[in-house]
């Protein structure tokens, strides 16, 4: 048995260290208690991951743990240091500064520091900025005011800046100019970041994410300037206006543009090489320059929340000769449009639509939506699959009418299959409710009594079902748990009590109550009785009715007093299993 348990300990150190590197440091350190084999192994783990939430949000305890872990850490190289702390750490700036210095001194390759966004940003030490070993740097709610001095991230490939405060307008460009091999950049703007225009000029950049969602940026003077000739993926979200100018990026293959700009010509006009495109725009006429052709576009996802979104759809369909997949979905709250607005259908489609798959999520069946759907069905000469998912609030009758109307619409493809998906709208809880009582009771008997009772809140179908489960098990850790046992026994309605189990860990539970519960179980014809009493060294005395129980088949006792059992008439004729504990545990 020992050999079986220690199989994992026989693995090579390198393999064990890889496994431990995937766990929070708190769990890794705890493994030092397993055996001598594990006692110091954790100190060689090259990745450290600290999260205040795993330490009951107790800051002094957390700080002490991080300090000791870094002090005892013996790995030749610190591959990664992740620290996530909250607002309750009043000396967070000092603590983070110390931890960052230690990480830099040990040649850290990945540094991820996150601080509560609601608090004043933490100022990072100057020693971070000339760190030549950093490959990944992720910061949240940090201050880079000292980055105006010497900066040299010659190995940095990934940089994530979420809610970061800069020294001035030139701080970010200065920082990016020192990242010679940067490939992945994420910038999330925040109020008071000391920047009006985010300027990104990176020759090697392949992935760029720009987010600005705060109301504090209202106006047209906040924006983005992008020059990244080797960019492959672009994700830009800006819900509070401004602008974005992009120089030609001939290698972009995937883009998400979710903005409310008055014009997006300087964005989409530079994305003609894109293969996958997701759009949510306020404009159609000024979406991109006339004459633009998305010659490589295969997959288009269009948000239907904006006024006259159908006009934007028309333009993109006409200008995308290789479009194969179209997905329509309302991502945001719909902005009102003119009720009388008409839809100008695409005209330059001599060979019909090139679509093969058409998906529409949150379909409502409005007049405009029906026009668009029927047009695509009619002109989609290559269509193979059409999937329509009605809005969850739609009634069964409305869904039936949608399916009926779309099914009767003319189709340009004889192989097109139409599917109206409604399964997502049926709560999983109701599917289970359709099962017979006997099967549900078997399922409920596999879960703990507390969880079983909680199912009574699901619906009327479940309200009293738990009371028919023939098994009851209770683990009492507090005095207040006694009331739950009392109520459960009072409400229990099963014809036979198959099993009754009590585990008592607290002295706050009265022995008198335990006697009453056992007597109640006997009255209910209990067949299996388990009692584990560890609340006190003195064994608990069982009630007299227990000794005359004729229904018991299984009896398991621990720390029970059977002193009166020799003088009483014992009539446990049906027991088929011996008492599991030793005699010393039962007879004191």
Protein backbone atom coordinates (compact mmCIF):
# COMPACT_ATOMS: atom_id res chain seq x y z
CA UNK A 1 0.00 0.00 0.00
CA UNK A 2 2.83 2.41 0.81
CA UNK A 3 4.39 1.79 -2.59
CA UNK A 4 1.07 2.54 -4.28
CA UNK A 5 0.63 5.82 -2.41
CA UNK A 6 4.18 6.96 -3.16
CA UNK A 7 4.18 6.36 -6.90
CA UNK A 8 4.05 10.09 -7.60
CA UNK A 9 7.01 10.67 -5.27
CA UNK A 10 9.11 8.43 -7.50
CA UNK A 11 8.74 10.75 -10.47
CA UNK A 12 11.82 12.81 -11.43
CA UNK A 13 12.19 16.26 -9.86
CA UNK A 14 11.84 18.02 -13.22
CA UNK A 15 8.47 16.40 -13.85
CA UNK A 16 7.20 17.14 -10.33
CA UNK A 17 8.31 20.77 -10.62
CA UNK A 18 6.32 21.13 -13.84
CA UNK A 19 3.22 19.85 -12.05
CA UNK A 20 3.75 22.13 -9.04
CA UNK A 21 4.29 25.14 -11.32
CA UNK A 22 0.63 24.97 -12.32
CA UNK A 23 -0.67 25.36 -8.76
CA UNK A 24 -1.05 28.40 -6.48
CA UNK A 25 2.03 28.80 -4.31
CA UNK A 26 -0.04 28.35 -1.15
CA UNK A 27 -0.96 24.82 -2.25
CA UNK A 28 2.60 24.10 -3.37
CA UNK A 29 4.06 25.07 0.01
CA UNK A 30 1.45 22.93 1.79
CA UNK A 31 2.86 19.86 0.01
CA UNK A 32 6.06 20.20 2.03
CA UNK A 33 4.17 18.43 4.83
CA UNK A 34 3.62 15.24 2.80
CA UNK A 35 7.01 13.62 3.42
CA UNK A 36 10.75 14.25 3.45
CA UNK A 37 10.71 13.82 -0.35
CA UNK A 38 8.50 16.90 -0.66
CA UNK A 39 9.85 18.98 2.20
CA UNK A 40 12.11 21.27 0.17
CA UNK A 41 10.93 20.47 -3.35
CA UNK A 42 8.61 23.47 -3.46
CA UNK A 43 11.58 25.84 -3.02
CA UNK A 44 12.80 24.81 -6.49
CA UNK A 45 9.53 25.56 -8.31
CA UNK A 46 10.39 28.25 -10.91
CA UNK A 47 6.93 29.83 -10.88
CA UNK A 48 5.36 31.63 -7.90
CA UNK A 49 1.68 32.55 -7.85
CA UNK A 50 0.28 34.55 -4.90
CA UNK A 51 -3.37 35.55 -4.56
CA UNK A 52 -4.68 37.43 -1.53
CA UNK A 53 -8.10 35.78 -1.91
CA UNK A 54 -6.58 32.39 -1.09
CA UNK A 55 -5.44 33.77 2.28
CA UNK A 56 -8.89 34.82 3.51
CA UNK A 57 -8.16 38.38 2.36
CA UNK A 58 -5.96 38.82 5.43
CA UNK A 59 -3.23 41.20 4.31
CA UNK A 60 -0.61 40.84 7.12
CA UNK A 61 -0.82 37.06 6.84
CA UNK A 62 -0.54 37.25 3.04
CA UNK A 63 2.42 39.65 3.09
CA UNK A 64 4.28 37.45 5.56
CA UNK A 65 3.65 34.38 3.42
CA UNK A 66 4.97 36.07 0.25
CA UNK A 67 8.06 37.35 2.08
CA UNK A 68 8.90 33.93 3.51
CA UNK A 69 8.28 32.17 0.21
CA UNK A 70 10.65 34.50 -1.62
CA UNK A 71 13.20 34.18 1.16
CA UNK A 72 13.19 30.37 1.00
CA UNK A 73 12.96 30.16 -2.79
CA UNK A 74 16.02 28.42 -4.26
CA UNK A 75 15.20 27.93 -7.96
CA UNK A 76 18.13 28.95 -10.21
CA UNK A 77 15.80 31.19 -12.24
CA UNK A 78 12.50 32.82 -11.36
CA UNK A 79 10.45 32.02 -14.44
CA UNK A 80 7.28 33.73 -13.26
CA UNK A 81 5.97 35.86 -10.41
CA UNK A 82 2.23 36.55 -10.17
CA UNK A 83 0.80 38.68 -7.37
CA UNK A 84 -2.87 39.62 -7.00
CA UNK A 85 -3.74 41.88 -4.07
CA UNK A 86 -6.74 43.92 -2.97
CA UNK A 87 -7.59 47.25 -1.39
CA UNK A 88 -7.23 46.03 2.21
CA UNK A 89 -3.44 45.98 1.91
CA UNK A 90 -2.56 49.45 3.19
CA UNK A 91 1.18 49.05 2.56
CA UNK A 92 0.73 47.48 -0.85
CA UNK A 93 3.00 50.01 -2.59
CA UNK A 94 5.91 49.18 -0.29
CA UNK A 95 5.30 45.43 -0.45
CA UNK A 96 5.00 45.34 -4.24
CA UNK A 97 8.13 47.43 -4.64
CA UNK A 98 10.13 44.96 -2.54
CA UNK A 99 8.76 41.91 -4.37
CA UNK A 100 9.44 43.44 -7.80
CA UNK A 101 13.04 44.27 -6.82
CA UNK A 102 13.61 40.68 -5.68
CA UNK A 103 12.08 39.33 -8.91
CA UNK A 104 14.29 41.58 -11.07
CA UNK A 105 17.38 40.55 -9.12
CA UNK A 106 16.55 36.89 -9.80
CA UNK A 107 16.14 37.35 -13.54
CA UNK A 108 12.36 37.08 -13.69
CA UNK A 109 10.95 36.24 -17.14
CA UNK A 110 7.24 36.77 -16.49
CA UNK A 111 5.85 39.37 -14.08
CA UNK A 112 2.12 39.76 -13.43
CA UNK A 113 1.06 42.30 -10.77
CA UNK A 114 -2.63 43.11 -10.21
CA UNK A 115 -4.04 45.61 -7.72
CA UNK A 116 -7.62 46.57 -6.91
CA UNK A 117 -8.76 49.04 -9.67
CA UNK A 118 -10.72 51.15 -7.16
CA UNK A 119 -7.55 52.20 -5.33
CA UNK A 120 -4.76 54.66 -6.15
CA UNK A 121 -2.30 52.99 -8.56
CA UNK A 122 0.85 51.47 -7.09
CA UNK A 123 4.09 53.10 -8.17
CA UNK A 124 6.56 50.58 -9.52
CA UNK A 125 10.28 50.79 -8.65
CA UNK A 126 12.75 52.17 -11.21
CA UNK A 127 14.75 48.94 -11.22
CA UNK A 128 11.96 47.28 -13.23
CA UNK A 129 12.36 49.36 -16.38
CA UNK A 130 15.86 48.30 -17.44
CA UNK A 131 15.09 44.60 -16.76
CA UNK A 132 16.61 42.72 -19.67
CA UNK A 133 15.22 39.28 -18.79
CA UNK A 134 11.49 40.11 -18.90
CA UNK A 135 9.57 38.35 -21.66
CA UNK A 136 6.03 38.87 -20.30
CA UNK A 137 4.87 41.91 -18.30
CA UNK A 138 1.24 42.24 -17.16
CA UNK A 139 0.18 45.14 -14.96
CA UNK A 140 -3.19 46.21 -13.55
CA UNK A 141 -3.73 49.51 -11.70
CA UNK A 142 -0.03 50.35 -11.61
CA UNK A 143 1.75 53.68 -12.03
CA UNK A 144 4.48 54.00 -14.67
CA UNK A 145 5.41 57.59 -13.86
CA UNK A 146 9.04 56.50 -13.44
CA UNK A 147 9.10 54.96 -16.91
CA UNK A 148 10.03 58.38 -18.29
CA UNK A 149 13.60 57.61 -17.26
CA UNK A 150 15.79 54.91 -18.79
CA UNK A 151 13.75 51.99 -20.15
CA UNK A 152 15.08 48.91 -21.92
CA UNK A 153 12.91 45.84 -22.32
CA UNK A 154 14.98 44.19 -25.03
CA UNK A 155 13.44 40.71 -24.48
CA UNK A 156 9.82 41.73 -23.86
CA UNK A 157 7.31 40.05 -26.19
CA UNK A 158 4.03 40.42 -24.25
CA UNK A 159 2.89 43.64 -22.56
CA UNK A 160 -0.54 44.06 -20.91
CA UNK A 161 -1.34 47.47 -19.38
CA UNK A 162 -4.75 47.53 -17.67
CA UNK A 163 -5.84 50.75 -15.93
CA UNK A 164 -2.25 52.00 -15.83
CA UNK A 165 -1.27 55.60 -15.01
CA UNK A 166 1.45 57.26 -17.12
CA UNK A 167 3.68 60.27 -16.52
CA UNK A 168 2.53 62.16 -19.63
CA UNK A 169 1.43 61.80 -23.26
CA UNK A 170 4.85 60.55 -24.37
CA UNK A 171 5.32 57.91 -21.68
CA UNK A 172 3.63 55.05 -23.55
CA UNK A 173 5.37 55.74 -26.91
CA UNK A 174 8.68 55.98 -25.03
CA UNK A 175 7.95 52.66 -23.30
CA UNK A 176 6.97 50.91 -26.54
CA UNK A 177 10.05 52.19 -28.36
CA UNK A 178 12.20 50.31 -25.85
CA UNK A 179 10.40 47.01 -26.53
CA UNK A 180 12.32 45.93 -29.61
CA UNK A 181 10.66 42.53 -30.09
CA UNK A 182 7.16 43.23 -28.74
CA UNK A 183 4.52 40.95 -30.32
CA UNK A 184 1.44 41.17 -28.05
CA UNK A 185 0.12 44.45 -26.61
CA UNK A 186 -3.02 45.09 -24.54
CA UNK A 187 -3.92 48.63 -23.42
CA UNK A 188 -7.02 49.34 -21.35
CA UNK A 189 -7.56 53.02 -20.75
CA UNK A 190 -8.70 54.40 -17.38
CA UNK A 191 -9.75 57.87 -16.14
CA UNK A 192 -6.82 60.00 -15.01
CA UNK A 193 -4.18 58.04 -16.92
CA UNK A 194 -2.58 61.34 -18.12
CA UNK A 195 -3.01 60.37 -21.78
CA UNK A 196 -5.27 61.82 -24.46
CA UNK A 197 -4.01 59.91 -27.47
CA UNK A 198 -2.64 56.38 -27.26
CA UNK A 199 0.06 56.15 -29.91
CA UNK A 200 1.22 52.65 -30.84
CA UNK A 201 4.22 52.37 -33.14
CA UNK A 202 5.67 48.86 -33.03
CA UNK A 203 7.37 47.23 -35.99
CA UNK A 204 7.17 43.63 -34.71
CA UNK A 205 3.69 43.78 -33.13
CA UNK A 206 1.38 40.88 -34.10
CA UNK A 207 -1.56 41.18 -31.68
CA UNK A 208 -3.08 44.44 -30.45
CA UNK A 209 -5.98 44.98 -28.04
CA UNK A 210 -7.24 48.50 -27.23
CA UNK A 211 -10.14 49.02 -24.82
CA UNK A 212 -11.76 52.21 -23.56
CA UNK A 213 -15.08 51.76 -21.78
CA UNK A 214 -15.23 54.46 -19.09
CA UNK A 215 -17.65 57.38 -19.22
CA UNK A 216 -14.82 59.70 -18.28
CA UNK A 217 -13.64 59.76 -21.90
CA UNK A 218 -16.61 61.59 -23.41
CA UNK A 219 -15.51 63.80 -26.30
CA UNK A 220 -13.70 63.56 -29.63
CA UNK A 221 -10.17 64.38 -28.49
CA UNK A 222 -9.39 60.96 -26.98
CA UNK A 223 -8.25 58.38 -29.45
CA UNK A 224 -5.77 55.89 -30.85
CA UNK A 225 -3.00 56.15 -33.45
CA UNK A 226 -1.70 52.80 -34.71
CA UNK A 227 1.30 51.99 -36.87
CA UNK A 228 1.98 48.26 -36.81
CA UNK A 229 2.81 46.94 -40.30
CA UNK A 230 3.13 43.27 -39.19
CA UNK A 231 -0.05 43.13 -37.12
CA UNK A 232 -2.06 39.91 -37.46
CA UNK A 233 -4.91 40.48 -34.98
CA UNK A 234 -6.66 43.68 -33.88
CA UNK A 235 -9.27 44.08 -31.12
CA UNK A 236 -10.56 47.59 -30.46
CA UNK A 237 -13.50 48.52 -28.20
CA UNK A 238 -14.43 52.12 -27.51
CA UNK A 239 -17.95 52.88 -26.25
CA UNK A 240 -17.43 56.56 -25.44
CA UNK A 241 -16.43 58.19 -28.70
CA UNK A 242 -13.19 59.62 -30.01
CA UNK A 243 -11.21 58.40 -33.00
CA UNK A 244 -8.79 55.78 -34.26
CA UNK A 245 -6.37 56.27 -37.15
CA UNK A 246 -4.57 53.25 -38.54
CA UNK A 247 -1.82 53.15 -41.09
CA UNK A 248 -1.95 50.40 -43.70
CA UNK A 249 -1.65 46.95 -42.11
CA UNK A 250 -1.48 44.46 -45.01
CA UNK A 251 -1.07 41.33 -42.86
CA UNK A 252 -4.11 41.55 -40.54
CA UNK A 253 -6.16 38.33 -40.67
CA UNK A 254 -8.55 38.80 -37.73
CA UNK A 255 -10.17 41.95 -36.32
CA UNK A 256 -12.88 43.00 -33.88
CA UNK A 257 -14.03 46.62 -34.22
CA UNK A 258 -16.65 47.62 -31.63
CA UNK A 259 -16.83 51.43 -31.51
CA UNK A 260 -19.28 54.34 -31.68
CA UNK A 261 -17.14 56.67 -33.83
CA UNK A 262 -18.82 58.92 -36.36
CA UNK A 263 -16.50 57.53 -39.00
CA UNK A 264 -14.41 54.37 -39.14
CA UNK A 265 -12.93 54.84 -42.60
CA UNK A 266 -9.39 55.10 -41.22
CA UNK A 267 -9.87 51.76 -39.45
CA UNK A 268 -11.65 49.46 -41.90
CA UNK A 269 -9.88 51.02 -44.87
CA UNK A 270 -6.66 49.49 -43.50
CA UNK A 271 -8.12 46.02 -42.94
CA UNK A 272 -8.62 44.83 -46.51
CA UNK A 273 -6.57 41.66 -45.90
CA UNK A 274 -8.74 40.48 -42.99
CA UNK A 275 -10.20 36.95 -43.08
CA UNK A 276 -12.34 37.08 -39.90
CA UNK A 277 -14.10 40.33 -39.02
CA UNK A 278 -16.46 41.26 -36.14
CA UNK A 279 -18.20 44.65 -36.41
CA UNK A 280 -20.38 46.81 -34.22
CA UNK A 281 -20.54 50.33 -35.70
CA UNK A 282 -22.76 53.38 -35.47
CA UNK A 283 -22.38 54.20 -39.16
CA UNK A 284 -22.72 52.50 -42.51
CA UNK A 285 -22.06 55.29 -45.01
CA UNK A 286 -18.80 56.29 -43.28
CA UNK A 287 -17.79 52.76 -42.32
CA UNK A 288 -15.04 52.49 -44.94
CA UNK A 289 -14.00 54.27 -48.14
CA UNK A 290 -16.00 53.67 -51.31
CA UNK A 291 -14.26 51.16 -53.54
CA UNK A 292 -12.78 49.15 -50.67
CA UNK A 293 -12.86 45.39 -51.26
CA UNK A 294 -12.37 42.81 -48.51
CA UNK A 295 -10.88 40.30 -50.92
CA UNK A 296 -9.92 37.73 -48.22
CA UNK A 297 -12.92 38.03 -45.88
CA UNK A 298 -14.41 34.60 -45.13
CA UNK A 299 -16.11 35.02 -41.71
CA UNK A 300 -18.22 38.07 -40.76
CA UNK A 301 -19.92 38.70 -37.41
CA UNK A 302 -22.16 41.77 -37.35
CA UNK A 303 -23.88 43.32 -34.33
CA UNK A 304 -27.49 44.36 -34.92
CA UNK A 305 -27.77 46.93 -32.12
CA UNK A 306 -27.01 50.03 -34.22
CA UNK A 307 -29.56 51.99 -36.27
CA UNK A 308 -29.69 50.84 -39.91
CA UNK A 309 -27.29 47.96 -39.33
CA UNK A 310 -28.78 46.31 -42.40
CA UNK A 311 -27.22 49.00 -44.62
CA UNK A 312 -23.77 48.13 -43.28
CA UNK A 313 -24.53 44.47 -43.95
CA UNK A 314 -25.43 45.29 -47.55
CA UNK A 315 -22.14 47.12 -48.12
CA UNK A 316 -19.96 44.39 -46.64
CA UNK A 317 -21.79 41.62 -48.54
CA UNK A 318 -21.30 43.46 -51.84
CA UNK A 319 -17.61 44.10 -51.10
CA UNK A 320 -16.69 40.59 -49.85
CA UNK A 321 -16.58 38.15 -52.78
CA UNK A 322 -15.25 35.23 -50.69
CA UNK A 323 -17.61 35.53 -47.71
CA UNK A 324 -18.61 32.06 -46.51
CA UNK A 325 -19.90 32.51 -42.94
CA UNK A 326 -22.25 35.25 -41.69
CA UNK A 327 -23.30 35.61 -38.06
CA UNK A 328 -25.78 38.25 -36.84
CA UNK A 329 -26.19 38.99 -33.15
CA UNK A 330 -27.33 41.86 -30.92
CA UNK A 331 -24.41 42.32 -28.50
CA UNK A 332 -25.60 45.53 -26.83
CA UNK A 333 -28.83 47.34 -25.98
CA UNK A 334 -30.45 48.32 -29.25
CA UNK A 335 -30.20 51.95 -30.21
CA UNK A 336 -33.50 53.22 -31.63
CA UNK A 337 -33.81 53.59 -35.38
CA UNK A 338 -36.30 55.33 -37.61
CA UNK A 339 -39.45 53.13 -37.86
CA UNK A 340 -39.84 54.00 -41.52
CA UNK A 341 -36.24 53.27 -42.47
CA UNK A 342 -36.13 51.05 -45.54
CA UNK A 343 -33.55 48.44 -46.44
CA UNK A 344 -31.71 48.75 -49.71
CA UNK A 345 -30.95 45.21 -50.77
CA UNK A 346 -27.60 44.30 -52.38
CA UNK A 347 -27.74 44.69 -56.17
CA UNK A 348 -24.27 43.74 -57.42
CA UNK A 349 -24.62 39.99 -56.90
CA UNK A 350 -24.64 38.51 -60.41
CA UNK A 351 -23.77 35.01 -59.13
CA UNK A 352 -25.72 35.21 -55.89
CA UNK A 353 -24.35 35.13 -52.36
CA UNK A 354 -21.23 33.08 -51.69
CA UNK A 355 -22.39 32.21 -48.16
CA UNK A 356 -22.30 28.60 -46.96
CA UNK A 357 -23.30 29.14 -43.30
CA UNK A 358 -25.70 31.72 -41.89
CA UNK A 359 -26.34 32.11 -38.14
CA UNK A 360 -28.68 34.55 -36.43
CA UNK A 361 -28.69 34.72 -32.62
CA UNK A 362 -31.41 36.48 -30.58
CA UNK A 363 -33.68 36.60 -33.63
CA UNK A 364 -36.95 38.46 -32.93
CA UNK A 365 -38.79 38.11 -36.22
CA UNK A 366 -39.34 41.85 -36.81
CA UNK A 367 -40.28 42.98 -40.30
CA UNK A 368 -36.75 44.17 -41.07
CA UNK A 369 -35.19 40.99 -39.74
CA UNK A 370 -37.53 38.85 -41.83
CA UNK A 371 -36.61 40.82 -44.94
CA UNK A 372 -32.89 40.21 -44.34
CA UNK A 373 -33.34 36.53 -43.50
CA UNK A 374 -35.56 35.83 -46.53
CA UNK A 375 -33.13 37.67 -48.85
CA UNK A 376 -30.22 35.53 -47.67
CA UNK A 377 -32.26 32.33 -48.01
CA UNK A 378 -33.32 33.29 -51.54
CA UNK A 379 -29.93 34.44 -52.85
CA UNK A 380 -27.70 32.04 -50.91
CA UNK A 381 -27.10 29.69 -53.82
CA UNK A 382 -24.33 27.89 -51.89
CA UNK A 383 -26.01 27.83 -48.51
CA UNK A 384 -25.64 24.56 -46.63
CA UNK A 385 -26.80 25.49 -43.14
CA UNK A 386 -28.97 28.23 -41.63
CA UNK A 387 -29.25 28.37 -37.83
CA UNK A 388 -31.72 30.77 -36.22
CA UNK A 389 -31.79 31.14 -32.40
CA UNK A 390 -34.84 33.11 -31.21
CA UNK A 391 -34.64 35.54 -28.33
CA UNK A 392 -35.12 33.73 -24.96
CA UNK A 393 -38.19 35.82 -24.18
CA UNK A 394 -39.98 34.55 -27.29
CA UNK A 395 -42.97 32.32 -26.56
CA UNK A 396 -43.34 28.85 -28.04
CA UNK A 397 -46.04 30.19 -30.37
CA UNK A 398 -43.77 32.97 -31.61
CA UNK A 399 -40.96 30.49 -32.21
CA UNK A 400 -43.32 28.27 -34.15
CA UNK A 401 -44.41 31.20 -36.32
CA UNK A 402 -40.76 32.14 -36.98
CA UNK A 403 -39.94 28.61 -38.10
CA UNK A 404 -43.10 28.39 -40.21
CA UNK A 405 -42.45 31.67 -42.01
CA UNK A 406 -38.76 31.03 -42.67
CA UNK A 407 -39.41 27.44 -43.75
CA UNK A 408 -41.87 28.62 -46.40
CA UNK A 409 -39.49 31.27 -47.77
CA UNK A 410 -37.92 30.57 -51.21
CA UNK A 411 -34.40 29.12 -51.08
CA UNK A 412 -31.62 29.50 -53.59
CA UNK A 413 -29.93 26.29 -52.49
CA UNK A 414 -31.60 22.90 -52.67
CA UNK A 415 -29.20 21.50 -50.02
CA UNK A 416 -29.82 24.25 -47.45
CA UNK A 417 -30.91 23.00 -44.02
CA UNK A 418 -32.85 25.36 -41.74
CA UNK A 419 -32.61 24.85 -37.99
CA UNK A 420 -34.37 26.93 -35.32
CA UNK A 421 -32.53 26.32 -32.06
CA UNK A 422 -34.71 26.51 -28.96
CA UNK A 423 -32.91 24.07 -26.65
CA UNK A 424 -30.91 26.84 -25.03
CA UNK A 425 -34.14 28.46 -23.96
CA UNK A 426 -35.28 25.43 -21.93
CA UNK A 427 -33.80 25.50 -18.44
CA UNK A 428 -31.79 22.38 -17.67
CA UNK A 429 -33.59 22.15 -14.36
CA UNK A 430 -36.89 21.46 -16.15
CA UNK A 431 -35.44 18.64 -18.22
CA UNK A 432 -34.43 16.81 -15.05
CA UNK A 433 -37.85 17.52 -13.53
CA UNK A 434 -39.46 15.38 -16.22
CA UNK A 435 -37.78 12.24 -14.85
CA UNK A 436 -39.90 9.86 -12.72
CA UNK A 437 -39.88 10.21 -8.93
CA UNK A 438 -38.12 6.89 -8.35
CA UNK A 439 -35.14 7.94 -10.49
CA UNK A 440 -34.98 11.42 -8.96
CA UNK A 441 -34.98 9.93 -5.46
CA UNK A 442 -32.06 7.71 -6.41
CA UNK A 443 -30.17 10.76 -7.69
CA UNK A 444 -30.96 12.78 -4.57
CA UNK A 445 -29.81 9.96 -2.31
CA UNK A 446 -26.31 10.39 -3.74
CA UNK A 447 -25.92 13.97 -2.52
CA UNK A 448 -25.57 15.34 1.00
CA UNK A 449 -28.72 16.07 2.98
CA UNK A 450 -28.08 19.83 3.08
CA UNK A 451 -27.74 19.99 -0.70
CA UNK A 452 -30.75 17.74 -1.04
CA UNK A 453 -32.94 20.03 1.07
CA UNK A 454 -31.71 23.04 -0.96
CA UNK A 455 -33.34 21.56 -4.10
CA UNK A 456 -36.73 22.37 -2.56
CA UNK A 457 -36.20 25.95 -3.76
CA UNK A 458 -35.95 24.99 -7.44
CA UNK A 459 -39.69 24.69 -8.16
CA UNK A 460 -42.93 23.21 -6.90
CA UNK A 461 -41.86 19.92 -8.49
CA UNK A 462 -38.93 19.74 -6.06
CA UNK A 463 -40.51 21.40 -3.03
CA UNK A 464 -41.23 18.22 -1.04
CA UNK A 465 -39.43 15.60 -3.12
CA UNK A 466 -36.41 15.53 -0.77
CA UNK A 467 -38.62 14.43 2.14
CA UNK A 468 -39.15 11.06 0.41
CA UNK A 469 -35.46 10.21 0.10
CA UNK A 470 -34.88 7.14 2.31
CA UNK A 471 -31.39 8.20 3.43
CA UNK A 472 -30.39 10.91 5.89
CA UNK A 473 -26.83 11.87 6.78
CA UNK A 474 -25.75 14.76 8.97
CA UNK A 475 -22.36 16.20 9.83
CA UNK A 476 -22.67 18.49 12.86
CA UNK A 477 -19.84 21.00 13.26
CA UNK A 478 -21.77 23.75 15.09
CA UNK A 479 -24.47 23.82 17.73
CA UNK A 480 -26.81 25.51 15.25
CA UNK A 481 -26.73 22.38 13.08
CA UNK A 482 -29.05 20.69 15.60
CA UNK A 483 -32.01 22.70 14.38
CA UNK A 484 -31.42 21.49 10.81
CA UNK A 485 -31.44 17.84 11.98
CA UNK A 486 -34.63 18.41 13.99
CA UNK A 487 -36.47 20.00 11.05
CA UNK A 488 -35.27 17.36 8.60
CA UNK A 489 -36.51 14.51 10.80
CA UNK A 490 -39.82 16.27 11.42
CA UNK A 491 -40.46 16.77 7.68
CA UNK A 492 -39.16 13.38 6.55
CA UNK A 493 -41.92 11.32 4.89
CA UNK A 494 -40.18 8.27 3.39
CA UNK A 495 -42.04 5.01 4.22
CA UNK A 496 -38.80 3.40 5.42
CA UNK A 497 -35.59 5.03 6.63
CA UNK A 498 -32.97 3.00 4.79
CA UNK A 499 -29.97 4.77 6.31
CA UNK A 500 -29.35 7.24 9.12
CA UNK A 501 -25.85 8.63 9.65
CA UNK A 502 -24.62 11.04 12.34
CA UNK A 503 -21.13 12.53 12.57
CA UNK A 504 -20.77 14.87 15.56
CA UNK A 505 -17.63 17.03 15.88
CA UNK A 506 -18.80 19.67 18.32
CA UNK A 507 -19.52 19.55 22.06
CA UNK A 508 -22.29 22.12 21.48
CA UNK A 509 -24.61 19.33 20.37
CA UNK A 510 -26.50 17.90 23.33
CA UNK A 511 -26.26 14.11 23.96
CA UNK A 512 -29.96 14.32 24.75
CA UNK A 513 -30.63 15.51 21.18
CA UNK A 514 -28.55 12.68 19.77
CA UNK A 515 -30.58 10.19 21.80
CA UNK A 516 -33.82 11.68 20.48
CA UNK A 517 -32.59 11.45 16.87
CA UNK A 518 -31.57 7.81 17.23
CA UNK A 519 -34.91 7.00 18.89
CA UNK A 520 -36.70 8.71 15.96
CA UNK A 521 -34.64 6.69 13.46
CA UNK A 522 -35.59 3.46 15.27
CA UNK A 523 -39.27 4.48 15.16
CA UNK A 524 -38.91 4.93 11.39
CA UNK A 525 -37.61 1.37 10.95
CA UNK A 526 -34.01 2.32 10.23
CA UNK A 527 -31.99 -0.40 8.44
CA UNK A 528 -28.51 1.17 8.56
CA UNK A 529 -27.29 3.22 11.51
CA UNK A 530 -23.94 5.02 11.64
CA UNK A 531 -22.75 7.09 14.59
CA UNK A 532 -19.34 8.80 14.72
CA UNK A 533 -19.04 10.82 17.95
CA UNK A 534 -15.74 12.76 18.23
CA UNK A 535 -17.00 15.81 20.11
CA UNK A 536 -15.83 14.44 23.44
CA UNK A 537 -13.44 11.78 24.71
CA UNK A 538 -16.23 10.30 26.81
CA UNK A 539 -18.36 7.90 24.75
CA UNK A 540 -21.98 8.78 24.19
CA UNK A 541 -24.70 6.64 25.75
CA UNK A 542 -27.30 5.22 23.40
CA UNK A 543 -31.07 5.26 24.21
CA UNK A 544 -32.76 2.08 25.42
CA UNK A 545 -35.00 1.84 22.35
CA UNK A 546 -31.88 1.22 20.28
CA UNK A 547 -31.34 -2.24 21.87
CA UNK A 548 -34.73 -3.57 20.78
CA UNK A 549 -34.57 -2.41 17.13
CA UNK A 550 -35.49 -5.37 14.90
CA UNK A 551 -35.01 -3.64 11.50
CA UNK A 552 -31.26 -2.95 11.69
CA UNK A 553 -29.12 -4.65 9.04
CA UNK A 554 -25.97 -2.51 9.33
CA UNK A 555 -24.61 -0.94 12.52
CA UNK A 556 -21.45 1.18 12.70
CA UNK A 557 -20.54 2.94 15.94
CA UNK A 558 -17.57 4.97 17.07
CA UNK A 559 -17.07 6.22 20.65
CA UNK A 560 -20.42 4.87 21.86
CA UNK A 561 -21.28 3.62 25.34
CA UNK A 562 -22.97 0.19 25.47
CA UNK A 563 -22.66 -0.23 29.23
CA UNK A 564 -26.35 -0.97 29.75
CA UNK A 565 -26.46 -3.46 26.96
CA UNK A 566 -25.79 -6.56 29.13
CA UNK A 567 -28.59 -5.81 31.57
CA UNK A 568 -31.14 -4.99 28.89
CA UNK A 569 -32.88 -7.30 26.49
CA UNK A 570 -30.87 -7.09 23.29
CA UNK A 571 -32.95 -7.89 20.24
CA UNK A 572 -30.79 -6.93 17.25
CA UNK A 573 -31.64 -10.13 15.36
CA UNK A 574 -31.19 -8.77 11.84
CA UNK A 575 -27.66 -7.31 11.99
CA UNK A 576 -25.56 -8.77 9.16
CA UNK A 577 -22.37 -6.74 9.68
CA UNK A 578 -20.10 -6.52 12.67
CA UNK A 579 -19.45 -3.31 14.54
CA UNK A 580 -16.64 -1.70 12.58
CA UNK A 581 -14.63 -0.01 15.36
CA UNK A 582 -12.62 -1.98 17.88
CA UNK A 583 -14.19 -3.01 21.18
CA UNK A 584 -12.10 -0.38 22.92
CA UNK A 585 -13.82 2.35 20.87
CA UNK A 586 -17.26 1.20 21.96
CA UNK A 587 -17.01 -0.24 25.45
CA UNK A 588 -15.26 2.07 27.86
